Amino acid sequence: MAYHITEECISCDACVSECPNEAISEGDPIYVIDSNKCTECVGFFDEPQCVAVCPVDCCVPDPDHRETEEQLLEKKKKLHGE
């Protein structure tokens, strides 16, 4: 399941550089996560890095984009190669 950023986002920029897939970008007025690029950091880290660094806990699972670990690993492979 991809993550998304809630309206509680304070646009602090902490999550942007932590995303290994460059899935986070500045929106208007809050940051957004591209669900086509979000792999929940599977294959990179034990937990989503946006969640780990967010000071206001606004990075949450997106119920509209549920994916298995296998699907997330396949997405990672498409984004980064083997």
PDB file of N, CA and C in Angstrom:
ATOM      1  N   MET A   1       0.852  -1.173   0.000  1.00  0.00           N
ATOM      2  CA  MET A   1       0.000   0.000   0.000  1.00  0.00           C
ATOM      3  C   MET A   1       0.892   1.228   0.000  1.00  0.00           C
ATOM      4  N   ALA A   2       0.659   2.081  -0.923  1.00  0.00           N
ATOM      5  CA  ALA A   2       1.400   3.341  -0.973  1.00  0.00           C
ATOM      6  C   ALA A   2       0.993   4.209   0.219  1.00  0.00           C
ATOM      7  N   TYR A   3       1.802   5.174   0.499  1.00  0.00           N
ATOM      8  CA  TYR A   3       1.488   6.129   1.558  1.00  0.00           C
ATOM      9  C   TYR A   3       0.982   7.416   0.938  1.00  0.00           C
ATOM     10  N   HIS A   4       0.312   8.212   1.735  1.00  0.00           N
ATOM     11  CA  HIS A   4      -0.055   9.552   1.303  1.00  0.00           C
ATOM     12  C   HIS A   4       0.141  10.501   2.466  1.00  0.00           C
ATOM     13  N   ILE A   5       0.103  11.776   2.167  1.00  0.00           N
ATOM     14  CA  ILE A   5       0.344  12.806   3.174  1.00  0.00           C
ATOM     15  C   ILE A   5      -0.976  13.506   3.456  1.00  0.00           C
ATOM     16  N   THR A   6      -1.294  13.605   4.738  1.00  0.00           N
ATOM     17  CA  THR A   6      -2.565  14.207   5.141  1.00  0.00           C
ATOM     18  C   THR A   6      -2.461  15.731   5.211  1.00  0.00           C
ATOM     19  N   GLU A   7      -3.577  16.346   5.406  1.00  0.00           N
ATOM     20  CA  GLU A   7      -3.646  17.812   5.475  1.00  0.00           C
ATOM     21  C   GLU A   7      -2.905  18.392   6.672  1.00  0.00           C
ATOM     22  N   GLU A   8      -2.486  17.549   7.603  1.00  0.00           N
ATOM     23  CA  GLU A   8      -1.720  18.034   8.756  1.00  0.00           C
ATOM     24  C   GLU A   8      -0.287  18.387   8.385  1.00  0.00           C
ATOM     25  N   CYS A   9       0.112  18.118   7.147  1.00  0.00           N
ATOM     26  CA  CYS A   9       1.469  18.403   6.675  1.00  0.00           C
ATOM     27  C   CYS A   9       1.808  19.874   6.918  1.00  0.00           C
ATOM     28  N   ILE A  10       3.009  20.097   7.477  1.00  0.00           N
ATOM     29  CA  ILE A  10       3.462  21.472   7.737  1.00  0.00           C
ATOM     30  C   ILE A  10       4.494  21.916   6.700  1.00  0.00           C
ATOM     31  N   SER A  11       4.636  21.130   5.639  1.00  0.00           N
ATOM     32  CA  SER A  11       5.567  21.436   4.540  1.00  0.00           C
ATOM     33  C   SER A  11       6.981  21.708   5.039  1.00  0.00           C
ATOM     34  N   CYS A  12       7.437  20.857   5.943  1.00  0.00           N
ATOM     35  CA  CYS A  12       8.764  21.047   6.532  1.00  0.00           C
ATOM     36  C   CYS A  12       9.890  20.532   5.634  1.00  0.00           C
ATOM     37  N   ASP A  13       9.563  19.678   4.642  1.00  0.00           N
ATOM     38  CA  ASP A  13      10.546  19.186   3.685  1.00  0.00           C
ATOM     39  C   ASP A  13      11.379  18.020   4.214  1.00  0.00           C
ATOM     40  N   ALA A  14      11.108  17.542   5.420  1.00  0.00           N
ATOM     41  CA  ALA A  14      11.932  16.485   6.013  1.00  0.00           C
ATOM     42  C   ALA A  14      11.863  15.174   5.234  1.00  0.00           C
ATOM     43  N   CYS A  15      10.721  14.878   4.659  1.00  0.00           N
ATOM     44  CA  CYS A  15      10.514  13.589   4.000  1.00  0.00           C
ATOM     45  C   CYS A  15      11.098  13.514   2.597  1.00  0.00           C
ATOM     46  N   VAL A  16      11.196  14.626   1.924  1.00  0.00           N
ATOM     47  CA  VAL A  16      11.560  14.628   0.504  1.00  0.00           C
ATOM     48  C   VAL A  16      12.892  13.929   0.248  1.00  0.00           C
ATOM     49  N   SER A  17      13.919  14.307   0.941  1.00  0.00           N
ATOM     50  CA  SER A  17      15.251  13.739   0.692  1.00  0.00           C
ATOM     51  C   SER A  17      15.388  12.317   1.220  1.00  0.00           C
ATOM     52  N   GLU A  18      14.475  11.876   2.065  1.00  0.00           N
ATOM     53  CA  GLU A  18      14.546  10.533   2.637  1.00  0.00           C
ATOM     54  C   GLU A  18      13.957   9.465   1.725  1.00  0.00           C
ATOM     55  N   CYS A  19      13.144   9.848   0.759  1.00  0.00           N
ATOM     56  CA  CYS A  19      12.456   8.888  -0.100  1.00  0.00           C
ATOM     57  C   CYS A  19      13.409   8.319  -1.144  1.00  0.00           C
ATOM     58  N   PRO A  20      13.671   7.007  -1.121  1.00  0.00           N
ATOM     59  CA  PRO A  20      14.602   6.421  -2.079  1.00  0.00           C
ATOM     60  C   PRO A  20      14.044   6.370  -3.501  1.00  0.00           C
ATOM     61  N   ASN A  21      12.749   6.598  -3.660  1.00  0.00           N
ATOM     62  CA  ASN A  21      12.119   6.533  -4.976  1.00  0.00           C
ATOM     63  C   ASN A  21      11.794   7.899  -5.563  1.00  0.00           C
ATOM     64  N   GLU A  22      12.143   8.948  -4.851  1.00  0.00           N
ATOM     65  CA  GLU A  22      11.802  10.317  -5.264  1.00  0.00           C
ATOM     66  C   GLU A  22      10.308  10.438  -5.553  1.00  0.00           C
ATOM     67  N   ALA A  23       9.508   9.821  -4.688  1.00  0.00           N
ATOM     68  CA  ALA A  23       8.051   9.804  -4.856  1.00  0.00           C
ATOM     69  C   ALA A  23       7.367  11.002  -4.214  1.00  0.00           C
ATOM     70  N   ILE A  24       8.103  11.785  -3.428  1.00  0.00           N
ATOM     71  CA  ILE A  24       7.508  12.898  -2.692  1.00  0.00           C
ATOM     72  C   ILE A  24       7.885  14.212  -3.364  1.00  0.00           C
ATOM     73  N   SER A  25       6.872  15.025  -3.585  1.00  0.00           N
ATOM     74  CA  SER A  25       7.120  16.326  -4.202  1.00  0.00           C
ATOM     75  C   SER A  25       6.251  17.387  -3.543  1.00  0.00           C
ATOM     76  N   GLU A  26       6.628  18.619  -3.787  1.00  0.00           N
ATOM     77  CA  GLU A  26       5.904  19.742  -3.206  1.00  0.00           C
ATOM     78  C   GLU A  26       4.598  19.930  -3.965  1.00  0.00           C
ATOM     79  N   GLY A  27       3.512  19.922  -3.211  1.00  0.00           N
ATOM     80  CA  GLY A  27       2.198  20.183  -3.786  1.00  0.00           C
ATOM     81  C   GLY A  27       1.738  21.555  -3.346  1.00  0.00           C
ATOM     82  N   ASP A  28       0.484  21.806  -3.550  1.00  0.00           N
ATOM     83  CA  ASP A  28      -0.060  23.101  -3.134  1.00  0.00           C
ATOM     84  C   ASP A  28      -1.302  22.860  -2.296  1.00  0.00           C
ATOM     85  N   PRO A  29      -1.272  23.030  -1.024  1.00  0.00           N
ATOM     86  CA  PRO A  29      -0.228  23.651  -0.205  1.00  0.00           C
ATOM     87  C   PRO A  29       0.671  22.647   0.509  1.00  0.00           C
ATOM     88  N   ILE A  30       0.390  21.340   0.411  1.00  0.00           N
ATOM     89  CA  ILE A  30       1.169  20.344   1.149  1.00  0.00           C
ATOM     90  C   ILE A  30       1.925  19.436   0.184  1.00  0.00           C
ATOM     91  N   TYR A  31       2.866  18.680   0.728  1.00  0.00           N
ATOM     92  CA  TYR A  31       3.612  17.715  -0.064  1.00  0.00           C
ATOM     93  C   TYR A  31       2.704  16.558  -0.458  1.00  0.00           C
ATOM     94  N   VAL A  32       3.063  15.897  -1.556  1.00  0.00           N
ATOM     95  CA  VAL A  32       2.278  14.767  -2.050  1.00  0.00           C
ATOM     96  C   VAL A  32       3.206  13.594  -2.352  1.00  0.00           C
ATOM     97  N   ILE A  33       2.638  12.395  -2.283  1.00  0.00           N
ATOM     98  CA  ILE A  33       3.373  11.179  -2.603  1.00  0.00           C
ATOM     99  C   ILE A  33       2.765  10.573  -3.858  1.00  0.00           C
ATOM    100  N   ASP A  34       3.597  10.301  -4.847  1.00  0.00           N
ATOM    101  CA  ASP A  34       3.165   9.664  -6.078  1.00  0.00           C
ATOM    102  C   ASP A  34       3.008   8.172  -5.802  1.00  0.00           C
ATOM    103  N   SER A  35       1.787   7.680  -5.808  1.00  0.00           N
ATOM    104  CA  SER A  35       1.531   6.274  -5.488  1.00  0.00           C
ATOM    105  C   SER A  35       2.168   5.328  -6.508  1.00  0.00           C
ATOM    106  N   ASN A  36       2.458   5.804  -7.700  1.00  0.00           N
ATOM    107  CA  ASN A  36       3.116   4.978  -8.707  1.00  0.00           C
ATOM    108  C   ASN A  36       4.595   4.778  -8.417  1.00  0.00           C
ATOM    109  N   LYS A  37       5.139   5.591  -7.532  1.00  0.00           N
ATOM    110  CA  LYS A  37       6.555   5.479  -7.166  1.00  0.00           C
ATOM    111  C   LYS A  37       6.759   4.987  -5.738  1.00  0.00           C
ATOM    112  N   CYS A  38       5.749   5.086  -4.894  1.00  0.00           N
ATOM    113  CA  CYS A  38       5.893   4.704  -3.486  1.00  0.00           C
ATOM    114  C   CYS A  38       5.930   3.185  -3.337  1.00  0.00           C
ATOM    115  N   THR A  39       6.998   2.695  -2.724  1.00  0.00           N
ATOM    116  CA  THR A  39       7.139   1.263  -2.444  1.00  0.00           C
ATOM    117  C   THR A  39       7.146   0.993  -0.944  1.00  0.00           C
ATOM    118  N   GLU A  40       6.734   1.980  -0.160  1.00  0.00           N
ATOM    119  CA  GLU A  40       6.780   1.879   1.310  1.00  0.00           C
ATOM    120  C   GLU A  40       8.205   1.610   1.794  1.00  0.00           C
ATOM    121  N   CYS A  41       9.178   1.919   0.966  1.00  0.00           N
ATOM    122  CA  CYS A  41      10.595   1.693   1.229  1.00  0.00           C
ATOM    123  C   CYS A  41      10.964   0.207   1.295  1.00  0.00           C
ATOM    124  N   VAL A  42      10.050  -0.674   0.832  1.00  0.00           N
ATOM    125  CA  VAL A  42      10.327  -2.105   0.779  1.00  0.00           C
ATOM    126  C   VAL A  42      11.530  -2.320  -0.129  1.00  0.00           C
ATOM    127  N   GLY A  43      12.472  -3.124   0.357  1.00  0.00           N
ATOM    128  CA  GLY A  43      13.699  -3.372  -0.396  1.00  0.00           C
ATOM    129  C   GLY A  43      14.806  -2.393  -0.084  1.00  0.00           C
ATOM    130  N   PHE A  44      14.475  -1.340   0.654  1.00  0.00           N
ATOM    131  CA  PHE A  44      15.466  -0.342   1.054  1.00  0.00           C
ATOM    132  C   PHE A  44      15.631  -0.282   2.574  1.00  0.00           C
ATOM    133  N   PHE A  45      14.515  -0.145   3.281  1.00  0.00           N
ATOM    134  CA  PHE A  45      14.526   0.052   4.733  1.00  0.00           C
ATOM    135  C   PHE A  45      13.460  -0.820   5.393  1.00  0.00           C
ATOM    136  N   ASP A  46      13.551  -0.965   6.698  1.00  0.00           N
ATOM    137  CA  ASP A  46      12.588  -1.754   7.455  1.00  0.00           C
ATOM    138  C   ASP A  46      11.261  -1.038   7.650  1.00  0.00           C
ATOM    139  N   GLU A  47      11.263   0.285   7.492  1.00  0.00           N
ATOM    140  CA  GLU A  47      10.030   1.058   7.634  1.00  0.00           C
ATOM    141  C   GLU A  47      10.053   2.217   6.648  1.00  0.00           C
ATOM    142  N   PRO A  48       8.881   2.715   6.274  1.00  0.00           N
ATOM    143  CA  PRO A  48       8.841   3.865   5.382  1.00  0.00           C
ATOM    144  C   PRO A  48       9.569   5.049   6.004  1.00  0.00           C
ATOM    145  N   GLN A  49      10.503   5.611   5.275  1.00  0.00           N
ATOM    146  CA  GLN A  49      11.320   6.693   5.814  1.00  0.00           C
ATOM    147  C   GLN A  49      10.534   7.985   6.005  1.00  0.00           C
ATOM    148  N   CYS A  50       9.508   8.205   5.198  1.00  0.00           N
ATOM    149  CA  CYS A  50       8.686   9.407   5.395  1.00  0.00           C
ATOM    150  C   CYS A  50       8.012   9.356   6.762  1.00  0.00           C
ATOM    151  N   VAL A  51       7.578   8.163   7.144  1.00  0.00           N
ATOM    152  CA  VAL A  51       6.944   7.987   8.454  1.00  0.00           C
ATOM    153  C   VAL A  51       7.957   8.228   9.562  1.00  0.00           C
ATOM    154  N   ALA A  52       9.159   7.704   9.378  1.00  0.00           N
ATOM    155  CA  ALA A  52      10.200   7.811  10.399  1.00  0.00           C
ATOM    156  C   ALA A  52      10.619   9.248  10.673  1.00  0.00           C
ATOM    157  N   VAL A  53      10.616  10.099   9.650  1.00  0.00           N
ATOM    158  CA  VAL A  53      11.120  11.467   9.838  1.00  0.00           C
ATOM    159  C   VAL A  53      10.045  12.536   9.997  1.00  0.00           C
ATOM    160  N   CYS A  54       8.794  12.206   9.741  1.00  0.00           N
ATOM    161  CA  CYS A  54       7.734  13.219   9.791  1.00  0.00           C
ATOM    162  C   CYS A  54       7.484  13.686  11.231  1.00  0.00           C
ATOM    163  N   PRO A  55       7.645  14.979  11.488  1.00  0.00           N
ATOM    164  CA  PRO A  55       7.458  15.478  12.861  1.00  0.00           C
ATOM    165  C   PRO A  55       5.993  15.576  13.292  1.00  0.00           C
ATOM    166  N   VAL A  56       5.060  15.498  12.350  1.00  0.00           N
ATOM    167  CA  VAL A  56       3.642  15.619  12.706  1.00  0.00           C
ATOM    168  C   VAL A  56       2.833  14.371  12.345  1.00  0.00           C
ATOM    169  N   ASP A  57       3.515  13.290  12.025  1.00  0.00           N
ATOM    170  CA  ASP A  57       2.868  12.003  11.731  1.00  0.00           C
ATOM    171  C   ASP A  57       1.773  12.097  10.677  1.00  0.00           C
ATOM    172  N   CYS A  58       2.061  12.780   9.584  1.00  0.00           N
ATOM    173  CA  CYS A  58       1.043  12.938   8.538  1.00  0.00           C
ATOM    174  C   CYS A  58       1.255  12.015   7.346  1.00  0.00           C
ATOM    175  N   CYS A  59       2.261  11.157   7.387  1.00  0.00           N
ATOM    176  CA  CYS A  59       2.465  10.167   6.330  1.00  0.00           C
ATOM    177  C   CYS A  59       1.793   8.876   6.779  1.00  0.00           C
ATOM    178  N   VAL A  60       0.719   8.526   6.094  1.00  0.00           N
ATOM    179  CA  VAL A  60      -0.103   7.383   6.497  1.00  0.00           C
ATOM    180  C   VAL A  60      -0.384   6.485   5.296  1.00  0.00           C
ATOM    181  N   PRO A  61      -0.710   5.203   5.560  1.00  0.00           N
ATOM    182  CA  PRO A  61      -1.057   4.306   4.450  1.00  0.00           C
ATOM    183  C   PRO A  61      -2.259   4.841   3.677  1.00  0.00           C
ATOM    184  N   ASP A  62      -2.203   4.697   2.367  1.00  0.00           N
ATOM    185  CA  ASP A  62      -3.274   5.141   1.491  1.00  0.00           C
ATOM    186  C   ASP A  62      -4.185   3.946   1.197  1.00  0.00           C
ATOM    187  N   PRO A  63      -5.376   3.923   1.763  1.00  0.00           N
ATOM    188  CA  PRO A  63      -6.265   2.773   1.575  1.00  0.00           C
ATOM    189  C   PRO A  63      -6.706   2.571   0.120  1.00  0.00           C
ATOM    190  N   ASP A  64      -6.526   3.569  -0.717  1.00  0.00           N
ATOM    191  CA  ASP A  64      -6.890   3.453  -2.128  1.00  0.00           C
ATOM    192  C   ASP A  64      -5.804   2.788  -2.969  1.00  0.00           C
ATOM    193  N   HIS A  65      -4.647   2.521  -2.351  1.00  0.00           N
ATOM    194  CA  HIS A  65      -3.524   1.923  -3.085  1.00  0.00           C
ATOM    195  C   HIS A  65      -2.912   0.785  -2.277  1.00  0.00           C
ATOM    196  N   ARG A  66      -3.668  -0.276  -2.115  1.00  0.00           N
ATOM    197  CA  ARG A  66      -3.184  -1.451  -1.380  1.00  0.00           C
ATOM    198  C   ARG A  66      -2.340  -2.332  -2.289  1.00  0.00           C
ATOM    199  N   GLU A  67      -1.167  -2.744  -1.786  1.00  0.00           N
ATOM    200  CA  GLU A  67      -0.275  -3.600  -2.556  1.00  0.00           C
ATOM    201  C   GLU A  67       0.401  -4.595  -1.625  1.00  0.00           C
ATOM    202  N   THR A  68       0.699  -5.773  -2.151  1.00  0.00           N
ATOM    203  CA  THR A  68       1.418  -6.779  -1.388  1.00  0.00           C
ATOM    204  C   THR A  68       2.905  -6.453  -1.406  1.00  0.00           C
ATOM    205  N   GLU A  69       3.642  -7.112  -0.555  1.00  0.00           N
ATOM    206  CA  GLU A  69       5.092  -6.907  -0.541  1.00  0.00           C
ATOM    207  C   GLU A  69       5.686  -7.300  -1.892  1.00  0.00           C
ATOM    208  N   GLU A  70       5.172  -8.357  -2.490  1.00  0.00           N
ATOM    209  CA  GLU A  70       5.645  -8.788  -3.802  1.00  0.00           C
ATOM    210  C   GLU A  70       5.406  -7.701  -4.857  1.00  0.00           C
ATOM    211  N   GLN A  71       4.242  -7.082  -4.829  1.00  0.00           N
ATOM    212  CA  GLN A  71       3.944  -6.003  -5.774  1.00  0.00           C
ATOM    213  C   GLN A  71       4.854  -4.800  -5.542  1.00  0.00           C
ATOM    214  N   LEU A  72       5.130  -4.490  -4.279  1.00  0.00           N
ATOM    215  CA  LEU A  72       6.012  -3.372  -3.963  1.00  0.00           C
ATOM    216  C   LEU A  72       7.436  -3.648  -4.433  1.00  0.00           C
ATOM    217  N   LEU A  73       7.897  -4.883  -4.274  1.00  0.00           N
ATOM    218  CA  LEU A  73       9.230  -5.242  -4.743  1.00  0.00           C
ATOM    219  C   LEU A  73       9.307  -5.177  -6.270  1.00  0.00           C
ATOM    220  N   GLU A  74       8.234  -5.568  -6.947  1.00  0.00           N
ATOM    221  CA  GLU A  74       8.194  -5.484  -8.402  1.00  0.00           C
ATOM    222  C   GLU A  74       8.239  -4.020  -8.856  1.00  0.00           C
ATOM    223  N   LYS A  75       7.518  -3.166  -8.136  1.00  0.00           N
ATOM    224  CA  LYS A  75       7.537  -1.733  -8.456  1.00  0.00           C
ATOM    225  C   LYS A  75       8.947  -1.175  -8.261  1.00  0.00           C
ATOM    226  N   LYS A  76       9.603  -1.569  -7.167  1.00  0.00           N
ATOM    227  CA  LYS A  76      10.985  -1.136  -6.910  1.00  0.00           C
ATOM    228  C   LYS A  76      11.885  -1.555  -8.063  1.00  0.00           C
ATOM    229  N   LYS A  77      11.721  -2.793  -8.530  1.00  0.00           N
ATOM    230  CA  LYS A  77      12.544  -3.313  -9.627  1.00  0.00           C
ATOM    231  C   LYS A  77      12.309  -2.481 -10.896  1.00  0.00           C
ATOM    232  N   LYS A  78      11.074  -2.099 -11.166  1.00  0.00           N
ATOM    233  CA  LYS A  78      10.773  -1.283 -12.350  1.00  0.00           C
ATOM    234  C   LYS A  78      11.399   0.104 -12.237  1.00  0.00           C
ATOM    235  N   LEU A  79      11.417   0.635 -11.030  1.00  0.00           N
ATOM    236  CA  LEU A  79      11.961   1.976 -10.818  1.00  0.00           C
ATOM    237  C   LEU A  79      13.487   2.020 -10.818  1.00  0.00           C
ATOM    238  N   HIS A  80      14.104   0.957 -10.282  1.00  0.00           N
ATOM    239  CA  HIS A  80      15.551   0.982 -10.054  1.00  0.00           C
ATOM    240  C   HIS A  80      16.335  -0.118 -10.765  1.00  0.00           C
ATOM    241  N   GLY A  81      15.654  -1.030 -11.418  1.00  0.00           N
ATOM    242  CA  GLY A  81      16.343  -2.160 -12.021  1.00  0.00           C
ATOM    243  C   GLY A  81      16.585  -3.230 -10.982  1.00  0.00           C
ATOM    244  N   GLU A  82      17.259  -4.269 -11.384  1.00  0.00           N
ATOM    245  CA  GLU A  82      17.512  -5.415 -10.490  1.00  0.00           C
ATOM    246  C   GLU A  82      18.263  -5.000  -9.309  1.00  0.00           C
TER     247      GLU A  82
END
